[in-house]
Amino acid sequence: MQGLRWVQMTDEAVNDFLGDGGTGVISFSTPADDPPFTLPVSYGYYEDTSSFYFRLAFPEGSGKEALLDDPISFVVHEKTDAGYRSVVASGQLELVDELPYDSAAAQRLWGVQIPVVDIFDQPPEDVPFRHFRLVPDELSGRKEVQSND
């Protein structure tokens, strides 16, 4: 009987899967009785430091501002020709905009490709954005493989 199972991805496979950027889902921690605040986002990825970069919108009333000091998780997933792949990262966001321009984190921000997606009800140039970095406390990837049972 043939089935599916999940195995951990190597660091190299995680880096290959993440590439230099794409889209995923970020979840902000919230008080115990509330569900996480979750939204799709674009990301850039810097392989040498396993760092993610985000350009997050802060339109009036978005609610993100109050959650920035809380831990987050970030998930990238995709069905590939070889099966499903997913990577989960967790940790704390760091505001890059307040770092010195010549800092390593700020310089790496300019070296990644964060896809620009226009999903706002106003022109993107009218939406306030801020740049963040996530150096994950935990980073893991899983992939689907065929098993012959």
C-alpha atoms as a PDB file:
ATOM      1  CA  MET A   1       0.000   0.000   0.000  1.00  0.00           C
ATOM      2  CA  GLN A   2       1.327   3.408  -0.914  1.00  0.00           C
ATOM      3  CA  GLY A   3       0.905   6.400   1.390  1.00  0.00           C
ATOM      4  CA  LEU A   4       2.263   9.772   2.333  1.00  0.00           C
ATOM      5  CA  ARG A   5       4.510  10.797   5.165  1.00  0.00           C
ATOM      6  CA  TRP A   6       6.219  13.987   6.221  1.00  0.00           C
ATOM      7  CA  VAL A   7       9.955  14.411   6.780  1.00  0.00           C
ATOM      8  CA  GLN A   8      12.084  17.301   7.965  1.00  0.00           C
ATOM      9  CA  MET A   9      13.748  19.367   5.258  1.00  0.00           C
ATOM     10  CA  THR A  10      17.494  19.991   5.409  1.00  0.00           C
ATOM     11  CA  ASP A  11      18.767  23.552   5.850  1.00  0.00           C
ATOM     12  CA  GLU A  12      19.718  23.565   2.170  1.00  0.00           C
ATOM     13  CA  ALA A  13      16.228  22.421   1.147  1.00  0.00           C
ATOM     14  CA  VAL A  14      14.641  25.108   3.358  1.00  0.00           C
ATOM     15  CA  ASN A  15      16.832  27.789   1.758  1.00  0.00           C
ATOM     16  CA  ASP A  16      16.057  26.530  -1.749  1.00  0.00           C
ATOM     17  CA  PHE A  17      12.331  26.497  -1.001  1.00  0.00           C
ATOM     18  CA  LEU A  18      12.288  30.020   0.461  1.00  0.00           C
ATOM     19  CA  GLY A  19      14.422  31.463  -2.347  1.00  0.00           C
ATOM     20  CA  ASP A  20      14.908  35.205  -2.002  1.00  0.00           C
ATOM     21  CA  GLY A  21      11.279  35.975  -1.234  1.00  0.00           C
ATOM     22  CA  GLY A  22       7.647  35.252  -1.874  1.00  0.00           C
ATOM     23  CA  THR A  23       4.425  35.178   0.095  1.00  0.00           C
ATOM     24  CA  GLY A  24       3.352  33.536   3.326  1.00  0.00           C
ATOM     25  CA  VAL A  25       1.149  33.960   6.367  1.00  0.00           C
ATOM     26  CA  ILE A  26       2.187  35.829   9.513  1.00  0.00           C
ATOM     27  CA  SER A  27       0.421  35.341  12.840  1.00  0.00           C
ATOM     28  CA  PHE A  28       0.766  37.729  15.767  1.00  0.00           C
ATOM     29  CA  SER A  29       0.220  36.474  19.310  1.00  0.00           C
ATOM     30  CA  THR A  30      -2.809  37.933  21.075  1.00  0.00           C
ATOM     31  CA  PRO A  31      -4.297  37.709  24.583  1.00  0.00           C
ATOM     32  CA  ALA A  32      -5.225  34.161  25.624  1.00  0.00           C
ATOM     33  CA  ASP A  33      -8.933  34.400  24.799  1.00  0.00           C
ATOM     34  CA  ASP A  34      -8.454  35.956  21.365  1.00  0.00           C
ATOM     35  CA  PRO A  35      -7.482  34.137  18.173  1.00  0.00           C
ATOM     36  CA  PRO A  36      -4.096  35.041  16.655  1.00  0.00           C
ATOM     37  CA  PHE A  37      -4.065  38.070  14.349  1.00  0.00           C
ATOM     38  CA  THR A  38      -3.183  36.423  11.028  1.00  0.00           C
ATOM     39  CA  LEU A  39      -2.675  37.860   7.556  1.00  0.00           C
ATOM     40  CA  PRO A  40      -0.984  37.050   4.269  1.00  0.00           C
ATOM     41  CA  VAL A  41       2.231  38.996   3.620  1.00  0.00           C
ATOM     42  CA  SER A  42       5.093  39.262   1.185  1.00  0.00           C
ATOM     43  CA  TYR A  43       8.580  38.480   2.438  1.00  0.00           C
ATOM     44  CA  GLY A  44      12.212  38.686   1.456  1.00  0.00           C
ATOM     45  CA  TYR A  45      14.634  36.031   2.669  1.00  0.00           C
ATOM     46  CA  TYR A  46      18.349  36.357   3.327  1.00  0.00           C
ATOM     47  CA  GLU A  47      19.842  32.866   3.289  1.00  0.00           C
ATOM     48  CA  ASP A  48      23.196  33.637   4.945  1.00  0.00           C
ATOM     49  CA  THR A  49      21.521  34.626   8.215  1.00  0.00           C
ATOM     50  CA  SER A  50      18.196  32.788   7.759  1.00  0.00           C
ATOM     51  CA  SER A  51      16.492  36.173   8.162  1.00  0.00           C
ATOM     52  CA  PHE A  52      13.096  37.199   6.855  1.00  0.00           C
ATOM     53  CA  TYR A  53      12.232  40.763   5.897  1.00  0.00           C
ATOM     54  CA  PHE A  54       8.720  42.171   5.747  1.00  0.00           C
ATOM     55  CA  ARG A  55       7.175  45.382   4.469  1.00  0.00           C
ATOM     56  CA  LEU A  56       4.055  45.682   6.600  1.00  0.00           C
ATOM     57  CA  ALA A  57       1.245  48.170   6.017  1.00  0.00           C
ATOM     58  CA  PHE A  58      -0.139  50.202   8.898  1.00  0.00           C
ATOM     59  CA  PRO A  59      -3.352  51.789   7.640  1.00  0.00           C
ATOM     60  CA  GLU A  60      -5.399  53.567  10.265  1.00  0.00           C
ATOM     61  CA  GLY A  61      -7.139  51.083  12.565  1.00  0.00           C
ATOM     62  CA  SER A  62      -5.146  48.040  11.384  1.00  0.00           C
ATOM     63  CA  GLY A  63      -4.522  46.745  14.929  1.00  0.00           C
ATOM     64  CA  LYS A  64      -0.958  45.555  14.197  1.00  0.00           C
ATOM     65  CA  GLU A  65       0.715  48.340  16.163  1.00  0.00           C
ATOM     66  CA  ALA A  66      -0.473  46.940  19.512  1.00  0.00           C
ATOM     67  CA  LEU A  67       0.911  43.460  18.688  1.00  0.00           C
ATOM     68  CA  LEU A  68       4.442  44.293  17.523  1.00  0.00           C
ATOM     69  CA  ASP A  69       6.139  43.390  20.805  1.00  0.00           C
ATOM     70  CA  ASP A  70       4.526  39.946  20.922  1.00  0.00           C
ATOM     71  CA  PRO A  71       6.016  36.780  19.362  1.00  0.00           C
ATOM     72  CA  ILE A  72       5.000  35.884  15.822  1.00  0.00           C
ATOM     73  CA  SER A  73       4.981  32.820  13.636  1.00  0.00           C
ATOM     74  CA  PHE A  74       5.408  32.882   9.893  1.00  0.00           C
ATOM     75  CA  VAL A  75       4.479  30.086   7.472  1.00  0.00           C
ATOM     76  CA  VAL A  76       5.344  29.574   3.810  1.00  0.00           C
ATOM     77  CA  HIS A  77       3.722  26.636   2.042  1.00  0.00           C
ATOM     78  CA  GLU A  78       3.342  25.428  -1.509  1.00  0.00           C
ATOM     79  CA  LYS A  79       2.480  22.393  -3.562  1.00  0.00           C
ATOM     80  CA  THR A  80       5.487  21.627  -5.737  1.00  0.00           C
ATOM     81  CA  ASP A  81       6.059  18.961  -8.385  1.00  0.00           C
ATOM     82  CA  ALA A  82       7.627  16.845  -5.630  1.00  0.00           C
ATOM     83  CA  GLY A  83       4.685  17.311  -3.229  1.00  0.00           C
ATOM     84  CA  TYR A  84       3.776  19.740  -0.480  1.00  0.00           C
ATOM     85  CA  ARG A  85       6.450  21.793   1.276  1.00  0.00           C
ATOM     86  CA  SER A  86       6.150  24.097   4.266  1.00  0.00           C
ATOM     87  CA  VAL A  87       8.481  26.179   6.401  1.00  0.00           C
ATOM     88  CA  VAL A  88       7.565  27.595   9.810  1.00  0.00           C
ATOM     89  CA  ALA A  89       9.561  30.348  11.518  1.00  0.00           C
ATOM     90  CA  SER A  90       8.878  31.902  14.907  1.00  0.00           C
ATOM     91  CA  GLY A  91      10.388  34.682  16.936  1.00  0.00           C
ATOM     92  CA  GLN A  92      10.259  38.424  17.473  1.00  0.00           C
ATOM     93  CA  LEU A  93       9.989  41.136  14.830  1.00  0.00           C
ATOM     94  CA  GLU A  94      12.653  43.840  14.784  1.00  0.00           C
ATOM     95  CA  LEU A  95      11.914  47.247  13.258  1.00  0.00           C
ATOM     96  CA  VAL A  96      14.574  47.847  10.605  1.00  0.00           C
ATOM     97  CA  ASP A  97      13.505  51.419   9.815  1.00  0.00           C
ATOM     98  CA  GLU A  98      14.986  52.644  13.110  1.00  0.00           C
ATOM     99  CA  LEU A  99      18.380  50.996  12.589  1.00  0.00           C
ATOM    100  CA  PRO A 100      21.305  53.004  11.199  1.00  0.00           C
ATOM    101  CA  TYR A 101      21.383  52.915   7.405  1.00  0.00           C
ATOM    102  CA  ASP A 102      24.827  51.293   7.417  1.00  0.00           C
ATOM    103  CA  SER A 103      23.805  48.492   9.811  1.00  0.00           C
ATOM    104  CA  ALA A 104      24.009  44.948   8.442  1.00  0.00           C
ATOM    105  CA  ALA A 105      20.256  44.420   8.891  1.00  0.00           C
ATOM    106  CA  ALA A 106      19.373  47.594   6.979  1.00  0.00           C
ATOM    107  CA  GLN A 107      21.781  46.737   4.174  1.00  0.00           C
ATOM    108  CA  ARG A 108      20.351  43.220   3.868  1.00  0.00           C
ATOM    109  CA  LEU A 109      16.843  44.678   3.579  1.00  0.00           C
ATOM    110  CA  TRP A 110      17.902  46.298   0.309  1.00  0.00           C
ATOM    111  CA  GLY A 111      19.400  43.001  -0.895  1.00  0.00           C
ATOM    112  CA  VAL A 112      16.186  40.963  -0.748  1.00  0.00           C
ATOM    113  CA  GLN A 113      13.198  40.912  -3.062  1.00  0.00           C
ATOM    114  CA  ILE A 114       9.925  41.554  -1.251  1.00  0.00           C
ATOM    115  CA  PRO A 115       7.073  41.135  -3.753  1.00  0.00           C
ATOM    116  CA  VAL A 116       4.810  44.176  -3.866  1.00  0.00           C
ATOM    117  CA  VAL A 117       1.130  43.264  -3.726  1.00  0.00           C
ATOM    118  CA  ASP A 118      -1.521  45.980  -4.028  1.00  0.00           C
ATOM    119  CA  ILE A 119      -4.474  44.846  -1.907  1.00  0.00           C
ATOM    120  CA  PHE A 120      -5.431  48.142  -0.346  1.00  0.00           C
ATOM    121  CA  ASP A 121      -8.528  50.250  -0.826  1.00  0.00           C
ATOM    122  CA  GLN A 122      -6.310  53.261  -1.464  1.00  0.00           C
ATOM    123  CA  PRO A 123      -3.185  53.853  -3.569  1.00  0.00           C
ATOM    124  CA  PRO A 124      -0.133  52.109  -2.010  1.00  0.00           C
ATOM    125  CA  GLU A 125       1.730  55.424  -1.852  1.00  0.00           C
ATOM    126  CA  ASP A 126      -0.944  56.638   0.590  1.00  0.00           C
ATOM    127  CA  VAL A 127      -0.531  53.629   2.913  1.00  0.00           C
ATOM    128  CA  PRO A 128       2.105  53.905   5.664  1.00  0.00           C
ATOM    129  CA  PHE A 129       4.581  50.998   5.557  1.00  0.00           C
ATOM    130  CA  ARG A 130       7.315  49.891   7.939  1.00  0.00           C
ATOM    131  CA  HIS A 131      10.101  47.359   7.413  1.00  0.00           C
ATOM    132  CA  PHE A 132      10.782  44.522   9.828  1.00  0.00           C
ATOM    133  CA  ARG A 133      13.235  41.676  10.183  1.00  0.00           C
ATOM    134  CA  LEU A 134      12.670  38.262  11.753  1.00  0.00           C
ATOM    135  CA  VAL A 135      15.727  36.301  12.835  1.00  0.00           C
ATOM    136  CA  PRO A 136      13.862  33.146  13.842  1.00  0.00           C
ATOM    137  CA  ASP A 137      14.263  31.542  17.236  1.00  0.00           C
ATOM    138  CA  GLU A 138      12.950  28.420  15.511  1.00  0.00           C
ATOM    139  CA  LEU A 139      12.981  27.558  11.806  1.00  0.00           C
ATOM    140  CA  SER A 140      11.876  24.216  10.400  1.00  0.00           C
ATOM    141  CA  GLY A 141      10.677  22.796   7.143  1.00  0.00           C
ATOM    142  CA  ARG A 142       8.736  19.693   6.258  1.00  0.00           C
ATOM    143  CA  LYS A 143       8.092  17.969   2.983  1.00  0.00           C
ATOM    144  CA  GLU A 144       5.749  15.336   1.756  1.00  0.00           C
ATOM    145  CA  VAL A 145       7.254  12.073   0.501  1.00  0.00           C
ATOM    146  CA  GLN A 146       5.750   8.914  -0.891  1.00  0.00           C
ATOM    147  CA  SER A 147       6.120   5.822   1.254  1.00  0.00           C
ATOM    148  CA  ASN A 148       5.634   2.233   0.224  1.00  0.00           C
ATOM    149  CA  ASP A 149       3.963   0.383   3.078  1.00  0.00           C
END
